């Protein structure tokens, strides 16, 4: 077991038990920082000098750097029991990620870097979902820029060869009336469309419900992104209010997957709504909403949440092989 593996497994187990998002993120951050350390055994004092590593994570790194299972991890595994182990196996079955950003919108890395990172994780596919035009703060894609991006993705796939495919997509703003913020013809050419609300998040429940219902019933929409829009760290942001029963029933009927957003500051939907969507029969997409290559590792924490409420791979489109994912969009089960 490498230090990075140990730290990420701890983050998974902390998410499994519903720990503070700050604790989860601390271990994910430390896992990224391990790359700055020399190979081989390191002591805790040396590990703590790396940016983003604190005393607890430094001790984990020191123990794992010798090949041992860190005490902290061993304790969490013993407390979690076999259910968490099954959840880790579920995370290992992931085939792709429906939501990631590049430097074409508000991501920090080129498209090729994001695709290579996804392939290095063992994904068969990943979906590039840069923002749509209305989100100007995120440098959303005009129809012309999206057209150009489609050509770039096609060229990238031809160079990457078999075994991995970067799918075309967008994170499309759901407008006030529930319509989508992109040209209809272009939406029809994309492999996957994630639809999300980014404005007027504190609307009254009735207009927000109407807005979401229109979006999830739109035949172009495949995934409902971070459905409450909440932020649970820093200054935070309260979750949007809407008729969850009606919206999740519409998702189940339309085959629109509900996103389990893996960003530590989101954990969206909250546990109660996640359970409600599961009871409604919804499909789910366990997505990182990654804005940098290292954030693709966050996906396992979303699988922890999925496993905790008993969701299996058949309900999780991010465990599906590429053929099934693409055929499901055309209406084939």
Protein backbone atom coordinates (compact mmCIF):
# COMPACT_ATOMS: atom_id res chain seq x y z
CA UNK A 1 0.00 0.00 0.00
CA UNK A 2 1.40 3.37 -1.00
CA UNK A 3 0.89 6.51 1.09
CA UNK A 4 -1.45 7.98 -1.52
CA UNK A 5 -3.56 4.81 -1.55
CA UNK A 6 -3.74 4.77 2.24
CA UNK A 7 -4.79 8.42 2.42
CA UNK A 8 -7.48 8.00 -0.22
CA UNK A 9 -8.85 4.91 1.46
CA UNK A 10 -9.06 6.84 4.73
CA UNK A 11 -10.94 9.63 2.92
CA UNK A 12 -13.34 7.00 1.58
CA UNK A 13 -13.95 5.54 5.04
CA UNK A 14 -14.45 8.97 6.57
CA UNK A 15 -17.04 9.73 3.88
CA UNK A 16 -18.62 6.34 4.58
CA UNK A 17 -19.19 7.33 8.19
CA UNK A 18 -20.34 10.87 7.32
CA UNK A 19 -17.34 12.70 8.81
CA UNK A 20 -16.78 16.42 8.41
CA UNK A 21 -16.01 17.44 4.81
CA UNK A 22 -12.95 19.27 6.14
CA UNK A 23 -11.52 15.97 7.45
CA UNK A 24 -12.29 14.17 4.19
CA UNK A 25 -10.65 16.90 2.14
CA UNK A 26 -7.58 16.99 4.40
CA UNK A 27 -6.76 13.39 3.50
CA UNK A 28 -7.46 13.94 -0.20
CA UNK A 29 -5.19 16.99 -0.18
CA UNK A 30 -2.44 15.05 1.56
CA UNK A 31 -2.75 12.26 -1.01
CA UNK A 32 -1.98 14.78 -3.75
CA UNK A 33 0.94 16.20 -1.76
CA UNK A 34 2.67 12.80 -1.56
CA UNK A 35 3.94 13.33 -5.09
CA UNK A 36 6.28 16.04 -3.74
CA UNK A 37 8.00 13.59 -1.37
CA UNK A 38 10.97 11.38 -2.29
CA UNK A 39 10.27 7.69 -2.95
CA UNK A 40 10.82 5.16 -0.21
CA UNK A 41 10.45 5.48 3.56
CA UNK A 42 10.01 8.95 5.04
CA UNK A 43 9.52 9.98 8.64
CA UNK A 44 6.57 12.03 9.87
CA UNK A 45 8.61 15.21 10.30
CA UNK A 46 9.79 15.01 6.69
CA UNK A 47 6.26 14.30 5.43
CA UNK A 48 4.83 17.24 7.35
CA UNK A 49 7.08 19.63 5.44
CA UNK A 50 5.07 18.90 2.27
CA UNK A 51 2.40 21.45 1.45
CA UNK A 52 -1.04 20.33 2.62
CA UNK A 53 0.22 17.69 5.07
CA UNK A 54 -0.55 17.96 8.80
CA UNK A 55 0.49 15.91 11.81
CA UNK A 56 -2.15 13.18 11.40
CA UNK A 57 -1.70 12.75 7.67
CA UNK A 58 2.10 12.90 8.09
CA UNK A 59 1.98 9.92 10.44
CA UNK A 60 -0.16 8.00 7.93
CA UNK A 61 2.35 8.79 5.19
CA UNK A 62 5.30 7.71 7.33
CA UNK A 63 3.74 4.36 8.21
CA UNK A 64 2.51 3.63 4.68
CA UNK A 65 5.85 4.62 3.13
CA UNK A 66 7.34 1.48 4.70
CA UNK A 67 4.61 -0.70 3.17
CA UNK A 68 2.67 -1.06 6.43
CA UNK A 69 -1.05 -0.47 6.87
CA UNK A 70 -1.24 2.77 8.89
CA UNK A 71 -2.77 2.50 12.36
CA UNK A 72 -5.38 5.16 11.53
CA UNK A 73 -6.54 3.20 8.47
CA UNK A 74 -6.58 -0.13 10.32
CA UNK A 75 -8.78 1.36 13.02
CA UNK A 76 -11.24 2.84 10.53
CA UNK A 77 -11.45 -0.43 8.60
CA UNK A 78 -12.16 -2.41 11.76
CA UNK A 79 -14.89 0.01 12.80
CA UNK A 80 -16.49 0.14 9.33
CA UNK A 81 -16.93 -3.60 8.82
CA UNK A 82 -17.70 -5.51 5.61
CA UNK A 83 -20.18 -2.96 4.25
CA UNK A 84 -17.44 -0.42 3.68
CA UNK A 85 -15.26 -3.06 2.00
CA UNK A 86 -18.10 -3.74 -0.44
CA UNK A 87 -18.33 0.00 -1.06
CA UNK A 88 -14.63 0.16 -1.88
CA UNK A 89 -15.13 -2.69 -4.36
CA UNK A 90 -17.99 -0.68 -5.88
CA UNK A 91 -15.69 2.31 -6.30
CA UNK A 92 -13.13 0.04 -7.98
CA UNK A 93 -15.78 -0.95 -10.54
CA UNK A 94 -16.11 2.62 -11.83
CA UNK A 95 -15.78 2.87 -15.60
CA UNK A 96 -16.11 6.62 -16.06
CA UNK A 97 -17.05 10.08 -14.85
CA UNK A 98 -19.85 12.18 -16.34
CA UNK A 99 -18.71 15.61 -15.11
CA UNK A 100 -15.30 17.22 -15.55
CA UNK A 101 -14.03 20.64 -16.64
CA UNK A 102 -11.03 21.85 -18.60
CA UNK A 103 -9.35 25.21 -19.10
CA UNK A 104 -11.87 25.91 -21.85
CA UNK A 105 -14.19 27.06 -19.05
CA UNK A 106 -13.27 27.25 -15.35
CA UNK A 107 -11.01 24.21 -15.08
CA UNK A 108 -7.29 24.66 -14.61
CA UNK A 109 -5.91 22.06 -17.01
CA UNK A 110 -5.95 21.34 -20.75
CA UNK A 111 -8.43 18.84 -22.15
CA UNK A 112 -5.69 16.32 -22.89
CA UNK A 113 -4.42 16.39 -19.30
CA UNK A 114 -7.90 15.68 -17.95
CA UNK A 115 -8.39 12.83 -20.40
CA UNK A 116 -4.99 11.29 -19.64
CA UNK A 117 -5.67 11.48 -15.89
CA UNK A 118 -9.01 9.73 -16.34
CA UNK A 119 -7.40 6.99 -18.42
CA UNK A 120 -4.61 6.59 -15.84
CA UNK A 121 -7.27 5.89 -13.19
CA UNK A 122 -8.50 2.97 -15.29
CA UNK A 123 -11.59 4.67 -16.67
CA UNK A 124 -12.93 3.44 -20.00
CA UNK A 125 -14.51 6.83 -20.66
CA UNK A 126 -15.00 10.31 -19.23
CA UNK A 127 -17.24 13.19 -20.26
CA UNK A 128 -15.93 16.69 -20.88
CA UNK A 129 -18.59 19.03 -19.50
CA UNK A 130 -17.39 22.61 -19.66
CA UNK A 131 -19.94 25.30 -18.84
CA UNK A 132 -22.54 26.84 -21.14
CA UNK A 133 -22.57 30.53 -22.26
CA UNK A 134 -24.67 32.11 -19.52
CA UNK A 135 -22.11 31.30 -16.83
CA UNK A 136 -19.76 34.07 -17.96
CA UNK A 137 -17.79 33.98 -14.69
CA UNK A 138 -16.77 30.44 -15.66
CA UNK A 139 -16.00 31.42 -19.27
CA UNK A 140 -18.89 29.32 -20.57
CA UNK A 141 -18.80 28.03 -24.13
CA UNK A 142 -20.62 29.89 -26.88
CA UNK A 143 -22.03 27.70 -29.67
CA UNK A 144 -19.00 28.58 -31.78
CA UNK A 145 -16.51 27.60 -29.06
CA UNK A 146 -18.41 24.39 -28.37
CA UNK A 147 -18.24 23.53 -32.09
CA UNK A 148 -14.47 24.05 -31.94
CA UNK A 149 -14.21 21.90 -28.83
CA UNK A 150 -15.99 19.01 -30.57
CA UNK A 151 -13.26 19.03 -33.21
CA UNK A 152 -10.54 19.06 -30.54
CA UNK A 153 -12.12 16.08 -28.75
CA UNK A 154 -12.42 14.12 -31.98
CA UNK A 155 -8.72 14.71 -32.70
CA UNK A 156 -7.74 13.75 -29.16
CA UNK A 157 -9.67 10.48 -29.34
CA UNK A 158 -7.96 9.57 -32.59
CA UNK A 159 -4.57 10.02 -30.90
CA UNK A 160 -5.42 8.23 -27.65
CA UNK A 161 -6.29 4.99 -29.39
CA UNK A 162 -8.48 2.12 -28.10
CA UNK A 163 -9.39 1.45 -24.49
CA UNK A 164 -10.50 4.97 -23.59
CA UNK A 165 -12.83 7.54 -25.09
CA UNK A 166 -13.39 11.15 -24.09
CA UNK A 167 -17.07 11.79 -24.61
CA UNK A 168 -18.43 15.15 -25.72
CA UNK A 169 -20.68 16.95 -23.28
CA UNK A 170 -21.56 20.12 -21.47
CA UNK A 171 -22.69 21.29 -18.05
CA UNK A 172 -25.66 23.25 -19.29
CA UNK A 173 -27.32 25.94 -17.21
CA UNK A 174 -30.98 25.39 -16.43
CA UNK A 175 -32.55 28.75 -17.21
CA UNK A 176 -35.36 30.35 -15.20
CA UNK A 177 -38.08 28.69 -17.29
CA UNK A 178 -36.38 25.27 -17.25
CA UNK A 179 -34.98 25.55 -20.77
CA UNK A 180 -31.31 24.87 -21.50
CA UNK A 181 -28.56 27.39 -22.14
CA UNK A 182 -27.24 26.08 -25.44
CA UNK A 183 -28.26 25.61 -29.05
CA UNK A 184 -30.70 22.68 -29.38
CA UNK A 185 -28.98 21.24 -32.44
CA UNK A 186 -25.63 21.27 -30.67
CA UNK A 187 -27.09 19.57 -27.60
CA UNK A 188 -28.35 16.81 -29.86
CA UNK A 189 -24.81 16.18 -31.12
CA UNK A 190 -23.31 15.71 -27.67
CA UNK A 191 -22.77 12.35 -26.00
CA UNK A 192 -23.86 13.44 -22.50
CA UNK A 193 -25.59 16.57 -21.15
CA UNK A 194 -25.40 17.47 -17.47
CA UNK A 195 -27.99 20.11 -16.55
CA UNK A 196 -27.47 22.24 -13.43
CA UNK A 197 -28.93 25.31 -11.76
CA UNK A 198 -26.38 28.05 -11.10
CA UNK A 199 -28.61 31.10 -10.61
CA UNK A 200 -31.51 32.14 -8.36
CA UNK A 201 -30.71 29.19 -6.10
CA UNK A 202 -32.83 30.68 -3.32
CA UNK A 203 -36.02 30.80 -5.37
CA UNK A 204 -39.29 29.75 -3.77
CA UNK A 205 -39.96 26.01 -3.95
CA UNK A 206 -42.73 26.20 -6.55
CA UNK A 207 -40.79 27.98 -9.35
CA UNK A 208 -37.68 25.92 -8.59
CA UNK A 209 -39.70 22.70 -8.85
CA UNK A 210 -41.21 23.81 -12.17
CA UNK A 211 -37.74 24.72 -13.43
CA UNK A 212 -36.21 21.36 -12.48
CA UNK A 213 -39.13 19.33 -13.82
CA UNK A 214 -38.83 20.96 -17.23
CA UNK A 215 -35.10 20.28 -17.32
CA UNK A 216 -35.08 16.63 -16.26
CA UNK A 217 -37.86 15.87 -18.75
CA UNK A 218 -35.92 17.46 -21.60
CA UNK A 219 -34.86 14.62 -23.95
CA UNK A 220 -31.37 16.14 -24.26
CA UNK A 221 -30.66 15.92 -20.52
CA UNK A 222 -28.87 12.84 -19.19
CA UNK A 223 -27.81 13.93 -15.69
CA UNK A 224 -29.24 16.38 -13.15
CA UNK A 225 -26.12 18.02 -11.69
CA UNK A 226 -25.67 18.96 -7.97
CA UNK A 227 -29.43 19.23 -7.55
CA UNK A 228 -29.59 21.45 -4.44
CA UNK A 229 -26.65 23.72 -5.25
CA UNK A 230 -25.60 23.72 -1.61
CA UNK A 231 -22.12 24.51 -0.29
CA UNK A 232 -21.29 23.07 3.12
CA UNK A 233 -17.84 24.52 3.78
CA UNK A 234 -16.58 28.06 4.35
CA UNK A 235 -19.33 30.65 4.32
CA UNK A 236 -21.57 27.97 2.79
CA UNK A 237 -24.78 28.22 0.81
CA UNK A 238 -28.14 26.72 1.80
CA UNK A 239 -29.68 24.08 -0.39
CA UNK A 240 -32.35 25.03 -2.88
CA UNK A 241 -35.91 24.17 -1.93
CA UNK A 242 -38.08 22.14 -4.31
CA UNK A 243 -40.56 19.27 -4.35
CA UNK A 244 -38.02 16.45 -4.25
CA UNK A 245 -40.65 13.74 -4.56
CA UNK A 246 -41.93 15.21 -7.83
CA UNK A 247 -38.49 15.92 -9.27
CA UNK A 248 -37.05 12.49 -8.48
CA UNK A 249 -40.17 10.77 -9.80
CA UNK A 250 -39.70 12.69 -13.05
CA UNK A 251 -36.01 11.70 -13.16
CA UNK A 252 -36.92 8.04 -12.70
CA UNK A 253 -39.59 8.22 -15.41
CA UNK A 254 -37.35 10.03 -17.91
CA UNK A 255 -34.23 7.98 -17.17
CA UNK A 256 -32.34 11.12 -16.12
CA UNK A 257 -29.60 10.21 -13.66
CA UNK A 258 -29.29 12.13 -10.40
CA UNK A 259 -25.71 13.19 -9.82
CA UNK A 260 -23.92 12.21 -6.63
CA UNK A 261 -21.50 15.11 -6.67
CA UNK A 262 -18.19 14.13 -5.04
CA UNK A 263 -16.78 17.58 -4.33
CA UNK A 264 -16.21 17.70 -0.55
CA UNK A 265 -17.78 21.14 -0.30
CA UNK A 266 -20.96 19.95 -2.01
CA UNK A 267 -21.87 16.37 -1.00
CA UNK A 268 -24.93 16.94 -3.14
CA UNK A 269 -27.61 15.66 -2.77
CA UNK A 270 -27.70 15.56 1.03
CA UNK A 271 -28.19 12.15 2.62
CA UNK A 272 -31.94 12.48 3.07
CA UNK A 273 -32.53 13.48 -0.55
CA UNK A 274 -30.11 10.83 -1.79
CA UNK A 275 -32.16 8.19 0.01
CA UNK A 276 -35.36 9.69 -1.36
CA UNK A 277 -34.04 9.58 -4.92
CA UNK A 278 -32.98 5.96 -4.42
CA UNK A 279 -36.45 5.06 -3.14
CA UNK A 280 -37.95 6.75 -6.21
CA UNK A 281 -36.03 4.35 -8.46
CA UNK A 282 -33.61 6.89 -9.93
CA UNK A 283 -30.38 6.13 -11.69
CA UNK A 284 -27.29 7.92 -10.41
CA UNK A 285 -24.03 9.28 -11.80
CA UNK A 286 -21.14 9.36 -9.30
CA UNK A 287 -19.28 12.41 -10.60
CA UNK A 288 -16.26 14.34 -9.42
CA UNK A 289 -17.09 17.69 -11.03
CA UNK A 290 -13.29 17.78 -11.35
CA UNK A 291 -11.57 21.04 -12.29
CA UNK A 292 -8.05 19.55 -12.10
CA UNK A 293 -6.60 16.07 -12.78
CA UNK A 294 -6.00 15.19 -9.13
CA UNK A 295 -9.67 15.84 -8.30
CA UNK A 296 -10.67 12.80 -10.37
CA UNK A 297 -9.56 10.74 -7.35
CA UNK A 298 -12.48 12.18 -5.37
CA UNK A 299 -14.89 9.78 -7.04
CA UNK A 300 -14.45 7.03 -4.46
CA UNK A 301 -16.07 9.21 -1.78
CA UNK A 302 -19.25 9.41 -3.86
CA UNK A 303 -19.29 5.63 -4.10
CA UNK A 304 -19.01 5.49 -0.32
CA UNK A 305 -22.26 7.43 -0.09
CA UNK A 306 -23.91 5.27 -2.76
CA UNK A 307 -22.90 2.02 -1.07
CA UNK A 308 -24.02 3.27 2.32
CA UNK A 309 -27.64 3.37 1.12
CA UNK A 310 -27.41 0.08 -0.75
CA UNK A 311 -27.03 1.23 -4.36
CA UNK A 312 -25.44 -1.33 -6.67
CA UNK A 313 -23.76 -1.00 -10.07
CA UNK A 314 -26.93 -1.43 -12.09
CA UNK A 315 -28.24 1.88 -10.71
CA UNK A 316 -24.92 3.71 -11.15
CA UNK A 317 -24.29 4.75 -14.75
CA UNK A 318 -20.65 5.52 -13.95
CA UNK A 319 -20.02 1.78 -13.56
CA UNK A 320 -21.53 0.97 -16.96
CA UNK A 321 -19.38 0.05 -19.95
CA UNK A 322 -19.29 2.62 -22.73
CA UNK A 323 -21.64 0.68 -25.00
CA UNK A 324 -24.38 0.51 -22.38
CA UNK A 325 -23.98 4.17 -21.48
CA UNK A 326 -24.31 5.31 -25.08
CA UNK A 327 -27.18 2.96 -25.91
CA UNK A 328 -29.11 4.08 -22.83
CA UNK A 329 -29.20 7.59 -24.24
CA UNK A 330 -30.91 6.32 -27.37
CA UNK A 331 -33.58 4.63 -25.26
CA UNK A 332 -32.15 1.12 -25.08
CA UNK A 333 -32.11 -0.30 -21.50
